[in-house]
C-alpha atoms as a PDB file:
ATOM      1  CA  LEU A   1      -4.417   6.264   9.881  1.00  0.00           C
ATOM      2  CA  VAL A   2      -6.489   8.312  12.235  1.00  0.00           C
ATOM      3  CA  SER A   3      -4.936   6.318  15.206  1.00  0.00           C
ATOM      4  CA  ALA A   4      -1.583   7.051  13.803  1.00  0.00           C
ATOM      5  CA  LEU A   5      -2.344  10.803  13.740  1.00  0.00           C
ATOM      6  CA  ASN A   6      -3.745  10.446  17.346  1.00  0.00           C
ATOM      7  CA  TRP A   7      -0.080   9.914  18.421  1.00  0.00           C
ATOM      8  CA  LEU A   8       0.556  13.585  17.521  1.00  0.00           C
ATOM      9  CA  LEU A   9      -2.951  15.178  17.662  1.00  0.00           C
ATOM     10  CA  PRO A  10      -5.963  14.776  20.103  1.00  0.00           C
ATOM     11  CA  LEU A  11      -8.394  12.249  18.586  1.00  0.00           C
ATOM     12  CA  ASP A  12     -11.079  14.759  17.433  1.00  0.00           C
ATOM     13  CA  LEU A  13      -8.424  16.842  15.761  1.00  0.00           C
ATOM     14  CA  ALA A  14      -6.893  14.011  14.145  1.00  0.00           C
ATOM     15  CA  ASN A  15     -10.209  12.901  12.614  1.00  0.00           C
ATOM     16  CA  ARG A  16     -10.618  16.388  11.287  1.00  0.00           C
ATOM     17  CA  VAL A  17      -7.353  16.481   9.766  1.00  0.00           C
ATOM     18  CA  PHE A  18      -7.952  13.106   7.928  1.00  0.00           C
ATOM     19  CA  LEU A  19     -11.376  14.258   6.691  1.00  0.00           C
ATOM     20  CA  THR A  20      -9.991  17.560   5.502  1.00  0.00           C
ATOM     21  CA  ALA A  21      -7.279  15.640   3.573  1.00  0.00           C
ATOM     22  CA  TYR A  22      -9.927  13.391   1.916  1.00  0.00           C
ATOM     23  CA  VAL A  23     -12.002  16.455   0.791  1.00  0.00           C
ATOM     24  CA  VAL A  24      -8.938  18.230  -0.637  1.00  0.00           C
ATOM     25  CA  VAL A  25      -7.379  15.107  -2.320  1.00  0.00           C
ATOM     26  CA  LEU A  26     -10.506  14.095  -4.124  1.00  0.00           C
ATOM     27  CA  PRO A  27     -10.433  17.035  -6.646  1.00  0.00           C
ATOM     28  CA  LEU A  28      -6.834  16.808  -6.738  1.00  0.00           C
ATOM     29  CA  SER A  29      -6.828  13.213  -7.763  1.00  0.00           C
ATOM     30  CA  LEU A  30      -9.572  13.836 -10.323  1.00  0.00           C
ATOM     31  CA  ARG A  31      -7.260  16.560 -11.654  1.00  0.00           C
ATOM     32  CA  PHE A  32      -4.503  14.076 -12.048  1.00  0.00           C
ATOM     33  CA  LEU A  33      -6.810  11.821 -14.016  1.00  0.00           C
ATOM     34  CA  LEU A  34      -8.068  14.561 -16.344  1.00  0.00           C
ATOM     35  CA  ARG A  35      -4.594  15.704 -17.183  1.00  0.00           C
ATOM     36  CA  LEU A  36      -3.587  12.145 -18.150  1.00  0.00           C
ATOM     37  CA  LEU A  37      -6.724  11.683 -20.217  1.00  0.00           C
ATOM     38  CA  GLY A  38      -5.889  14.728 -22.146  1.00  0.00           C
ATOM     39  CA  ARG A  39      -8.730  16.818 -20.999  1.00  0.00           C
ATOM     40  CA  PRO A  40      -9.100  20.262 -19.169  1.00  0.00           C
ATOM     41  CA  THR A  41      -8.311  20.024 -15.632  1.00  0.00           C
ATOM     42  CA  TRP A  42     -10.699  23.077 -14.384  1.00  0.00           C
ATOM     43  CA  PRO A  43     -13.578  20.562 -13.963  1.00  0.00           C
ATOM     44  CA  SER A  44     -11.913  18.878 -11.097  1.00  0.00           C
ATOM     45  CA  LEU A  45     -13.017  21.750  -8.827  1.00  0.00           C
ATOM     46  CA  LEU A  46     -16.625  20.620  -9.569  1.00  0.00           C
ATOM     47  CA  ALA A  47     -16.176  17.382  -7.660  1.00  0.00           C
ATOM     48  CA  LEU A  48     -15.829  19.147  -4.315  1.00  0.00           C
ATOM     49  CA  PRO A  49     -19.574  19.017  -3.300  1.00  0.00           C
ATOM     50  CA  PHE A  50     -19.499  15.144  -3.937  1.00  0.00           C
ATOM     51  CA  ALA A  51     -16.935  14.714  -1.246  1.00  0.00           C
ATOM     52  CA  TYR A  52     -19.932  15.154   1.056  1.00  0.00           C
ATOM     53  CA  GLY A  53     -23.416  13.735   0.846  1.00  0.00           C
ATOM     54  CA  ASP A  54     -24.921  10.463   1.977  1.00  0.00           C
ATOM     55  CA  SER A  55     -21.844   8.303   2.498  1.00  0.00           C
ATOM     56  CA  PHE A  56     -20.223  11.185   4.236  1.00  0.00           C
ATOM     57  CA  GLY A  57     -23.107  11.682   6.378  1.00  0.00           C
ATOM     58  CA  TRP A  58     -23.453   8.089   7.412  1.00  0.00           C
ATOM     59  CA  GLY A  59     -19.801   8.015   8.310  1.00  0.00           C
ATOM     60  CA  PHE A  60     -18.731   5.551   5.523  1.00  0.00           C
ATOM     61  CA  ILE A  61     -15.251   7.135   5.760  1.00  0.00           C
ATOM     62  CA  ASN A  62     -13.501   4.148   4.609  1.00  0.00           C
ATOM     63  CA  TYR A  63     -15.365   4.130   1.298  1.00  0.00           C
ATOM     64  CA  CYS A  64     -15.119   7.878   0.975  1.00  0.00           C
ATOM     65  CA  ALA A  65     -11.232   7.828   1.521  1.00  0.00           C
ATOM     66  CA  ALA A  66     -10.904   5.168  -1.067  1.00  0.00           C
ATOM     67  CA  LEU A  67     -12.510   7.247  -3.881  1.00  0.00           C
ATOM     68  CA  PRO A  68      -9.215   9.525  -4.342  1.00  0.00           C
ATOM     69  CA  LEU A  69      -7.183   6.377  -4.554  1.00  0.00           C
ATOM     70  CA  THR A  70      -9.664   4.898  -7.134  1.00  0.00           C
ATOM     71  CA  LEU A  71      -9.120   7.987  -9.408  1.00  0.00           C
ATOM     72  CA  LEU A  72      -5.379   7.584  -8.976  1.00  0.00           C
ATOM     73  CA  CYS A  73      -5.610   4.091  -9.986  1.00  0.00           C
ATOM     74  CA  CYS A  74      -7.367   4.848 -13.218  1.00  0.00           C
ATOM     75  CA  GLY A  75      -4.551   7.543 -13.958  1.00  0.00           C
ATOM     76  CA  PHE A  76      -1.771   5.049 -13.135  1.00  0.00           C
ATOM     77  CA  PHE A  77      -3.367   2.409 -15.373  1.00  0.00           C
ATOM     78  CA  VAL A  78      -3.493   4.932 -18.338  1.00  0.00           C
ATOM     79  CA  ARG A  79       0.093   5.858 -17.881  1.00  0.00           C
ATOM     80  CA  ALA A  80       1.258   2.278 -17.665  1.00  0.00           C
ATOM     81  CA  LEU A  81      -0.433   1.886 -21.174  1.00  0.00           C
ATOM     82  CA  GLU A  82       0.690   5.133 -22.865  1.00  0.00           C
ATOM     83  CA  ASP A  83       3.950   5.999 -21.343  1.00  0.00           C
ATOM     84  CA  SER A  84       6.223   3.386 -22.955  1.00  0.00           C
ATOM     85  CA  PRO A  85       9.584   4.632 -21.574  1.00  0.00           C
ATOM     86  CA  ARG A  86       8.287   4.419 -17.952  1.00  0.00           C
ATOM     87  CA  ARG A  87       5.690   1.594 -17.983  1.00  0.00           C
ATOM     88  CA  ARG A  88       7.098  -0.445 -15.254  1.00  0.00           C
ATOM     89  CA  ARG A  89       7.486   2.510 -12.891  1.00  0.00           C
ATOM     90  CA  TRP A  90       3.766   3.352 -13.475  1.00  0.00           C
ATOM     91  CA  ALA A  91       2.704  -0.288 -13.203  1.00  0.00           C
ATOM     92  CA  ALA A  92       4.358  -0.428  -9.663  1.00  0.00           C
ATOM     93  CA  TRP A  93       2.412   2.655  -8.546  1.00  0.00           C
ATOM     94  CA  LEU A  94      -0.665   0.992  -9.940  1.00  0.00           C
ATOM     95  CA  ALA A  95       0.019  -2.168  -7.995  1.00  0.00           C
ATOM     96  CA  ALA A  96       0.500  -0.286  -4.671  1.00  0.00           C
ATOM     97  CA  CYS A  97      -2.475   2.069  -5.272  1.00  0.00           C
ATOM     98  CA  LEU A  98      -4.852  -0.750  -6.132  1.00  0.00           C
ATOM     99  CA  VAL A  99      -3.835  -2.793  -3.052  1.00  0.00           C
ATOM    100  CA  ALA A 100      -4.499   0.393  -1.014  1.00  0.00           C
ATOM    101  CA  VAL A 101      -7.969   0.833  -2.515  1.00  0.00           C
ATOM    102  CA  LEU A 102      -8.980  -2.623  -1.473  1.00  0.00           C
ATOM    103  CA  LEU A 103      -7.555  -2.197   2.031  1.00  0.00           C
ATOM    104  CA  PHE A 104      -9.791   0.959   2.491  1.00  0.00           C
ATOM    105  CA  HIS A 105     -13.003  -0.540   1.015  1.00  0.00           C
ATOM    106  CA  VAL A 106     -14.005  -3.254  -1.442  1.00  0.00           C
ATOM    107  CA  GLN A 107     -16.782  -1.364  -3.100  1.00  0.00           C
ATOM    108  CA  ALA A 108     -14.426   1.094  -4.636  1.00  0.00           C
ATOM    109  CA  PHE A 109     -12.360  -1.852  -5.769  1.00  0.00           C
ATOM    110  CA  GLY A 110     -15.473  -3.306  -7.312  1.00  0.00           C
ATOM    111  CA  PHE A 111     -15.806  -0.295  -9.553  1.00  0.00           C
ATOM    112  CA  LEU A 112     -12.230  -0.634 -10.710  1.00  0.00           C
ATOM    113  CA  ALA A 113     -13.133  -4.290 -11.772  1.00  0.00           C
ATOM    114  CA  PHE A 114     -15.234  -2.475 -14.612  1.00  0.00           C
ATOM    115  CA  GLY A 115     -13.228   0.730 -14.948  1.00  0.00           C
ATOM    116  CA  LEU A 116      -9.946  -0.614 -15.614  1.00  0.00           C
ATOM    117  CA  PRO A 117     -11.033  -3.043 -18.324  1.00  0.00           C
ATOM    118  CA  TRP A 118     -12.818  -0.237 -19.882  1.00  0.00           C
ATOM    119  CA  LEU A 119      -9.754   1.870 -20.024  1.00  0.00           C
ATOM    120  CA  LEU A 120      -7.811  -1.182 -21.314  1.00  0.00           C
ATOM    121  CA  VAL A 121      -9.972  -1.523 -24.516  1.00  0.00           C
ATOM    122  CA  THR A 122     -10.314   2.234 -25.068  1.00  0.00           C
ATOM    123  CA  THR A 123      -6.757   3.341 -24.612  1.00  0.00           C
ATOM    124  CA  ALA A 124      -4.411   3.267 -27.538  1.00  0.00           C
ATOM    125  CA  VAL A 125      -0.669   2.735 -27.008  1.00  0.00           C
ATOM    126  CA  PRO A 126       2.065   4.080 -29.228  1.00  0.00           C
ATOM    127  CA  GLU A 127       2.943   0.635 -30.693  1.00  0.00           C
ATOM    128  CA  ASP A 128      -0.357   0.048 -32.055  1.00  0.00           C
ATOM    129  CA  ALA A 129       0.513   2.093 -35.194  1.00  0.00           C
ATOM    130  CA  THR A 130       3.103  -0.540 -36.154  1.00  0.00           C
ATOM    131  CA  ALA A 131       2.031  -3.665 -34.388  1.00  0.00           C
ATOM    132  CA  ARG A 132       1.144  -6.599 -36.396  1.00  0.00           C
ATOM    133  CA  GLY A 133      -0.869  -9.533 -34.736  1.00  0.00           C
ATOM    134  CA  LEU A 134      -2.223 -10.160 -31.289  1.00  0.00           C
ATOM    135  CA  VAL A 135       0.907 -10.760 -29.454  1.00  0.00           C
ATOM    136  CA  ALA A 136       2.348  -7.540 -30.732  1.00  0.00           C
ATOM    137  CA  ARG A 137      -0.473  -5.575 -29.742  1.00  0.00           C
ATOM    138  CA  LEU A 138      -0.628  -7.348 -26.267  1.00  0.00           C
ATOM    139  CA  LYS A 139       3.006  -6.902 -25.231  1.00  0.00           C
ATOM    140  CA  PRO A 140       2.875  -3.247 -24.574  1.00  0.00           C
ATOM    141  CA  ARG A 141      -0.019  -3.721 -22.380  1.00  0.00           C
ATOM    142  CA  VAL A 142       1.486  -6.553 -20.154  1.00  0.00           C
ATOM    143  CA  PRO A 143       3.006  -4.087 -17.441  1.00  0.00           C
ATOM    144  CA  ALA A 144      -0.411  -2.570 -16.749  1.00  0.00           C
ATOM    145  CA  LEU A 145      -2.040  -5.917 -16.606  1.00  0.00           C
ATOM    146  CA  VAL A 146       0.818  -7.097 -14.311  1.00  0.00           C
ATOM    147  CA  GLY A 147       0.212  -4.106 -12.041  1.00  0.00           C
ATOM    148  CA  VAL A 148      -3.219  -5.294 -11.269  1.00  0.00           C
ATOM    149  CA  VAL A 149      -2.118  -8.709 -10.092  1.00  0.00           C
ATOM    150  CA  PRO A 150      -1.321  -8.049  -6.448  1.00  0.00           C
ATOM    151  CA  GLY A 151      -4.674  -6.407  -5.962  1.00  0.00           C
ATOM    152  CA  VAL A 152      -6.634  -9.164  -7.599  1.00  0.00           C
ATOM    153  CA  ALA A 153      -4.734 -11.706  -5.698  1.00  0.00           C
ATOM    154  CA  LEU A 154      -5.559 -10.106  -2.494  1.00  0.00           C
ATOM    155  CA  PHE A 155      -9.161  -9.779  -3.439  1.00  0.00           C
ATOM    156  CA  LEU A 156      -9.425 -13.421  -4.324  1.00  0.00           C
ATOM    157  CA  GLY A 157      -7.750 -14.535  -1.122  1.00  0.00           C
ATOM    158  CA  TRP A 158      -9.447 -12.124   1.202  1.00  0.00           C
ATOM    159  CA  VAL A 159     -12.974 -11.295  -0.131  1.00  0.00           C
ATOM    160  CA  VAL A 160     -13.894 -14.239  -2.361  1.00  0.00           C
ATOM    161  CA  LEU A 161     -13.023 -16.891   0.173  1.00  0.00           C
ATOM    162  CA  ARG A 162     -15.078 -14.976   2.822  1.00  0.00           C
ATOM    163  CA  PHE A 163     -18.135 -15.207   0.558  1.00  0.00           C
ATOM    164  CA  GLY A 164     -17.475 -18.948   0.403  1.00  0.00           C
ATOM    165  CA  GLU A 165     -17.761 -19.377   4.143  1.00  0.00           C
ATOM    166  CA  PRO A 166     -20.945 -20.769   5.865  1.00  0.00           C
ATOM    167  CA  ALA A 167     -23.239 -17.774   6.455  1.00  0.00           C
ATOM    168  CA  ASP A 168     -24.998 -17.230   9.751  1.00  0.00           C
ATOM    169  CA  ILE A 169     -28.528 -17.319   8.387  1.00  0.00           C
ATOM    170  CA  GLN A 170     -31.263 -15.775  10.462  1.00  0.00           C
ATOM    171  CA  PRO A 171     -34.175 -14.749   8.449  1.00  0.00           C
ATOM    172  CA  GLY A 172     -35.571 -11.292   9.517  1.00  0.00           C
ATOM    173  CA  ALA A 173     -32.708 -10.423  11.778  1.00  0.00           C
ATOM    174  CA  PRO A 174     -30.786  -7.303  11.375  1.00  0.00           C
ATOM    175  CA  TRP A 175     -27.195  -7.381  10.151  1.00  0.00           C
ATOM    176  CA  LYS A 176     -27.611 -11.176   9.549  1.00  0.00           C
ATOM    177  CA  ALA A 177     -27.915 -13.183   6.193  1.00  0.00           C
ATOM    178  CA  TRP A 178     -31.487 -14.066   5.422  1.00  0.00           C
ATOM    179  CA  GLY A 179     -30.441 -16.892   3.115  1.00  0.00           C
ATOM    180  CA  PRO A 180     -27.583 -18.009   0.933  1.00  0.00           C
ATOM    181  CA  THR A 181     -25.421 -15.008  -0.218  1.00  0.00           C
ATOM    182  CA  PHE A 182     -26.949 -14.239  -3.517  1.00  0.00           C
ATOM    183  CA  SER A 183     -30.287 -15.684  -3.184  1.00  0.00           C
ATOM    184  CA  PRO A 184     -33.336 -13.438  -3.722  1.00  0.00           C
ATOM    185  CA  GLN A 185     -34.277 -13.537  -0.043  1.00  0.00           C
ATOM    186  CA  ASN A 186     -30.909 -12.130   0.883  1.00  0.00           C
ATOM    187  CA  LEU A 187     -30.656  -9.231  -1.738  1.00  0.00           C
ATOM    188  CA  GLY A 188     -32.502  -6.042  -0.780  1.00  0.00           C
ATOM    189  CA  TRP A 189     -33.416  -4.281  -3.981  1.00  0.00           C
ATOM    190  CA  LYS A 190     -34.607  -0.631  -4.718  1.00  0.00           C
ATOM    191  CA  SER A 191     -36.521  -0.070  -7.876  1.00  0.00           C
ATOM    192  CA  PHE A 192     -35.308   1.963 -10.687  1.00  0.00           C
ATOM    193  CA  ALA A 193     -37.976   4.620  -9.953  1.00  0.00           C
ATOM    194  CA  GLN A 194     -36.793   4.809  -6.276  1.00  0.00           C
ATOM    195  CA  ASN A 195     -33.188   4.991  -7.187  1.00  0.00           C
ATOM    196  CA  ARG A 196     -33.933   7.886  -9.705  1.00  0.00           C
ATOM    197  CA  ALA A 197     -36.175   9.697  -7.174  1.00  0.00           C
ATOM    198  CA  GLU A 198     -33.272   9.499  -4.549  1.00  0.00           C
ATOM    199  CA  LEU A 199     -30.305  10.185  -6.612  1.00  0.00           C
ATOM    200  CA  PHE A 200     -30.125  13.984  -6.026  1.00  0.00           C
ATOM    201  CA  ASP A 201     -30.921  13.280  -2.119  1.00  0.00           C
ATOM    202  CA  VAL A 202     -28.070  10.875  -1.972  1.00  0.00           C
ATOM    203  CA  LEU A 203     -25.566  13.571  -3.581  1.00  0.00           C
ATOM    204  CA  ALA A 204     -26.609  16.343  -1.158  1.00  0.00           C
ATOM    205  CA  ASN A 205     -28.347  15.584   2.098  1.00  0.00           C
ATOM    206  CA  THR A 206     -25.899  16.748   4.727  1.00  0.00           C
ATOM    207  CA  LEU A 207     -28.034  19.522   6.038  1.00  0.00           C
ATOM    208  CA  ARG A 208     -31.680  19.178   7.143  1.00  0.00           C
ATOM    209  CA  ASP A 209     -32.761  22.350   5.486  1.00  0.00           C
ATOM    210  CA  GLY A 210     -31.389  21.211   2.111  1.00  0.00           C
ATOM    211  CA  SER A 211     -29.171  24.312   1.734  1.00  0.00           C
ATOM    212  CA  ASP A 212     -26.184  22.163   0.657  1.00  0.00           C
ATOM    213  CA  ARG A 213     -28.030  21.420  -2.560  1.00  0.00           C
ATOM    214  CA  TRP A 214     -27.206  25.007  -3.804  1.00  0.00           C
ATOM    215  CA  ALA A 215     -23.655  24.041  -4.352  1.00  0.00           C
ATOM    216  CA  MET A 216     -24.678  20.919  -6.308  1.00  0.00           C
ATOM    217  CA  TYR A 217     -26.988  23.031  -8.613  1.00  0.00           C
ATOM    218  CA  ALA A 218     -24.062  25.509  -8.981  1.00  0.00           C
ATOM    219  CA  VAL A 219     -21.773  22.800 -10.024  1.00  0.00           C
ATOM    220  CA  GLY A 220     -24.472  21.402 -12.392  1.00  0.00           C
ATOM    221  CA  ALA A 221     -24.860  24.791 -14.055  1.00  0.00           C
ATOM    222  CA  VAL A 222     -21.168  25.172 -14.504  1.00  0.00           C
ATOM    223  CA  ALA A 223     -20.762  21.749 -15.964  1.00  0.00           C
ATOM    224  CA  LEU A 224     -23.647  22.457 -18.502  1.00  0.00           C
ATOM    225  CA  ALA A 225     -21.964  25.733 -19.440  1.00  0.00           C
ATOM    226  CA  GLY A 226     -18.748  23.996 -20.059  1.00  0.00           C
ATOM    227  CA  TRP A 227     -20.497  21.396 -22.441  1.00  0.00           C
ATOM    228  CA  VAL A 228     -22.085  24.351 -24.215  1.00  0.00           C
ATOM    229  CA  ALA A 229     -18.750  26.144 -24.553  1.00  0.00           C
ATOM    230  CA  GLY A 230     -17.146  22.837 -25.823  1.00  0.00           C
ATOM    231  CA  LEU A 231     -19.880  22.162 -28.470  1.00  0.00           C
ATOM    232  CA  MET A 232     -19.888  25.680 -29.683  1.00  0.00           C
ATOM    233  CA  ARG A 233     -16.216  26.206 -30.003  1.00  0.00           C
ATOM    234  CA  PRO A 234     -14.556  22.896 -29.879  1.00  0.00           C
ATOM    235  CA  GLU A 235     -10.738  22.674 -29.891  1.00  0.00           C
ATOM    236  CA  GLY A 236      -8.756  20.501 -32.370  1.00  0.00           C
ATOM    237  CA  THR A 237      -8.051  17.057 -30.816  1.00  0.00           C
ATOM    238  CA  GLY A 238      -5.569  15.888 -33.482  1.00  0.00           C
ATOM    239  CA  SER A 239      -5.467  12.187 -34.012  1.00  0.00           C
ATOM    240  CA  ARG A 240      -7.340  11.396 -30.784  1.00  0.00           C
ATOM    241  CA  GLY A 241     -10.271   9.367 -31.836  1.00  0.00           C
ATOM    242  CA  TRP A 242     -13.810   9.590 -30.169  1.00  0.00           C
ATOM    243  CA  VAL A 243     -13.483   6.252 -28.338  1.00  0.00           C
ATOM    244  CA  THR A 244     -10.252   7.579 -26.592  1.00  0.00           C
ATOM    245  CA  ARG A 245     -12.073  10.904 -25.831  1.00  0.00           C
ATOM    246  CA  SER A 246     -14.963   9.006 -24.365  1.00  0.00           C
ATOM    247  CA  ARG A 247     -12.952   7.356 -21.594  1.00  0.00           C
ATOM    248  CA  LEU A 248     -13.940   9.620 -18.839  1.00  0.00           C
ATOM    249  CA  LEU A 249     -17.637   9.584 -19.886  1.00  0.00           C
ATOM    250  CA  GLY A 250     -17.517   5.833 -20.027  1.00  0.00           C
ATOM    251  CA  LEU A 251     -16.088   5.797 -16.346  1.00  0.00           C
ATOM    252  CA  GLY A 252     -18.896   7.999 -15.158  1.00  0.00           C
ATOM    253  CA  GLY A 253     -21.532   5.942 -16.969  1.00  0.00           C
ATOM    254  CA  LEU A 254     -20.152   2.778 -15.406  1.00  0.00           C
ATOM    255  CA  ALA A 255     -20.483   4.277 -11.866  1.00  0.00           C
ATOM    256  CA  LEU A 256     -23.951   5.545 -12.704  1.00  0.00           C
ATOM    257  CA  ALA A 257     -24.994   1.891 -13.944  1.00  0.00           C
ATOM    258  CA  LEU A 258     -23.619   0.492 -10.701  1.00  0.00           C
ATOM    259  CA  TYR A 259     -25.987   2.799  -8.611  1.00  0.00           C
ATOM    260  CA  PHE A 260     -28.985   1.780 -10.716  1.00  0.00           C
ATOM    261  CA  LEU A 261     -28.243  -1.877 -11.404  1.00  0.00           C
ATOM    262  CA  LEU A 262     -26.882  -3.198  -7.955  1.00  0.00           C
ATOM    263  CA  PRO A 263     -28.903  -4.230  -4.826  1.00  0.00           C
ATOM    264  CA  PHE A 264     -29.268  -1.904  -1.998  1.00  0.00           C
ATOM    265  CA  ASP A 265     -27.966  -4.583   0.487  1.00  0.00           C
ATOM    266  CA  ILE A 266     -26.479  -7.904   0.489  1.00  0.00           C
ATOM    267  CA  ARG A 267     -27.563  -8.930   3.965  1.00  0.00           C
ATOM    268  CA  GLY A 268     -24.725 -10.099   6.260  1.00  0.00           C
ATOM    269  CA  TYR A 269     -22.021  -8.880   3.999  1.00  0.00           C
ATOM    270  CA  VAL A 270     -22.463  -5.495   2.452  1.00  0.00           C
ATOM    271  CA  TYR A 271     -25.080  -2.570   3.250  1.00  0.00           C
ATOM    272  CA  TYR A 272     -25.764   0.544   1.253  1.00  0.00           C
ATOM    273  CA  LEU A 273     -24.315  -1.055  -1.832  1.00  0.00           C
ATOM    274  CA  ASN A 274     -25.548   0.752  -4.682  1.00  0.00           C
ATOM    275  CA  THR A 275     -26.170   4.342  -3.189  1.00  0.00           C
ATOM    276  CA  ARG A 276     -22.355   4.723  -2.674  1.00  0.00           C
ATOM    277  CA  TYR A 277     -21.501   4.905  -6.249  1.00  0.00           C
ATOM    278  CA  ALA A 278     -23.747   7.934  -6.874  1.00  0.00           C
ATOM    279  CA  HIS A 279     -20.853  10.284  -5.512  1.00  0.00           C
ATOM    280  CA  LEU A 280     -18.280   8.655  -7.806  1.00  0.00           C
ATOM    281  CA  ALA A 281     -20.643   8.985 -10.727  1.00  0.00           C
ATOM    282  CA  ALA A 282     -21.496  12.513 -10.235  1.00  0.00           C
ATOM    283  CA  ALA A 283     -17.883  13.482  -9.678  1.00  0.00           C
ATOM    284  CA  LEU A 284     -16.779  11.844 -12.864  1.00  0.00           C
ATOM    285  CA  LEU A 285     -19.766  12.932 -14.929  1.00  0.00           C
ATOM    286  CA  VAL A 286     -19.395  16.748 -14.078  1.00  0.00           C
ATOM    287  CA  ALA A 287     -15.857  16.580 -15.324  1.00  0.00           C
ATOM    288  CA  THR A 288     -16.709  15.474 -18.870  1.00  0.00           C
ATOM    289  CA  ALA A 289     -16.888  19.044 -20.399  1.00  0.00           C
ATOM    290  CA  PRO A 290     -15.353  18.762 -23.900  1.00  0.00           C
ATOM    291  CA  VAL A 291     -11.951  20.389 -24.593  1.00  0.00           C
ATOM    292  CA  THR A 292     -12.549  23.909 -25.366  1.00  0.00           C
ATOM    293  CA  VAL A 293     -10.327  26.798 -26.650  1.00  0.00           C
ATOM    294  CA  ALA A 294      -8.093  28.383 -23.947  1.00  0.00           C
ATOM    295  CA  SER A 295     -10.043  31.576 -23.787  1.00  0.00           C
ATOM    296  CA  TRP A 296     -12.965  29.941 -22.301  1.00  0.00           C
ATOM    297  CA  ARG A 297     -11.202  28.019 -19.492  1.00  0.00           C
ATOM    298  CA  VAL A 298     -10.226  30.943 -17.268  1.00  0.00           C
ATOM    299  CA  PRO A 299     -13.859  32.050 -16.794  1.00  0.00           C
ATOM    300  CA  LEU A 300     -15.007  28.494 -16.280  1.00  0.00           C
ATOM    301  CA  ARG A 301     -12.268  27.831 -13.771  1.00  0.00           C
ATOM    302  CA  TRP A 302     -13.411  30.914 -11.843  1.00  0.00           C
ATOM    303  CA  ALA A 303     -16.969  29.764 -11.957  1.00  0.00           C
ATOM    304  CA  ALA A 304     -15.892  26.364 -10.657  1.00  0.00           C
ATOM    305  CA  GLY A 305     -14.015  27.979  -7.832  1.00  0.00           C
ATOM    306  CA  ALA A 306     -17.089  30.013  -6.902  1.00  0.00           C
ATOM    307  CA  CYS A 307     -18.990  26.719  -6.547  1.00  0.00           C
ATOM    308  CA  ALA A 308     -16.542  25.770  -3.922  1.00  0.00           C
ATOM    309  CA  LEU A 309     -16.932  28.943  -2.222  1.00  0.00           C
ATOM    310  CA  VAL A 310     -20.743  28.386  -2.063  1.00  0.00           C
ATOM    311  CA  LEU A 311     -20.207  24.939  -0.703  1.00  0.00           C
ATOM    312  CA  ALA A 312     -17.721  26.299   2.041  1.00  0.00           C
ATOM    313  CA  VAL A 313     -20.073  28.944   3.220  1.00  0.00           C
ATOM    314  CA  THR A 314     -23.209  26.759   3.372  1.00  0.00           C
ATOM    315  CA  LEU A 315     -21.492  23.921   5.147  1.00  0.00           C
ATOM    316  CA  GLY A 316     -19.472  26.064   7.426  1.00  0.00           C
ATOM    317  CA  ARG A 317     -22.723  27.608   8.655  1.00  0.00           C
ATOM    318  CA  GLY A 318     -24.490  24.350   8.822  1.00  0.00           C
ATOM    319  CA  PHE A 319     -21.717  22.526  10.826  1.00  0.00           C
ATOM    320  CA  ARG A 320     -21.183  25.555  13.095  1.00  0.00           C
ATOM    321  CA  ALA A 321     -24.867  25.512  13.947  1.00  0.00           C
ATOM    322  CA  PHE A 322     -24.869  21.668  14.616  1.00  0.00           C
ATOM    323  CA  SER A 323     -21.861  22.005  16.775  1.00  0.00           C
ATOM    324  CA  ARG A 324     -23.633  24.577  19.072  1.00  0.00           C
END
């Protein structure tokens, strides 16, 4: 995509345009998901600081750019389940978006391998109220399931077959396999304590003086305020059960579990495996503020916008100093 932009713009400017688009689209895609899950959309602004951090700093731009598409996939999947008149249309969008996620980066696709089944079992469809029997319950869900087939087929043919190829095993050599793919000698692990200690560093470590952490702290404070407001004055949720309302929290919990449970490296195949999920987990979890009465949303929205301003000033100064 940057190469295509380079036909119109100088390469450095084309890269800046692409990175800017990624940063802007991340909260917009989260807003789309929040709206489809029936949640307040103002917390989408809180995701902005997590567009940066460790993966951005290392230049894992393919993975970063896959994150907004990952959130869109979750939204399309939910609509393919709930929107009975237009299920096939949403399933088509889901199929295209899921393939795009895999083309950008397999680790974002790996999250969806857990996230989409979670949404499948926690999302009710309109026909459930009158359905009798397993077949009747499964039928409304078929378009959503068909929508994931192209992406899964591409994954099996591209990624899984690659893991089956003979590895170039060179114990101790960098960027080479040290043993069979999933053998203990080929997996590099970090302890739970080390992952816990590094979590906030991973989320905000762009500037050496640590000043970019202020935006992360501000986002955490606003998210906490949103939870307090939601618990003090909850808004009626009608017939929506607690399982349905916990879908976003479950997605964030899955991303956080991948951060703590996966290895750091699969040598010769995937590097920085678990740390990349920290950004996705943080973006999802800060957006889980409960639904509150409308009078609370305007001040919370302004506070979330102020967090974006803190981030803009801090990173603007830091990048300008680095450029000099």
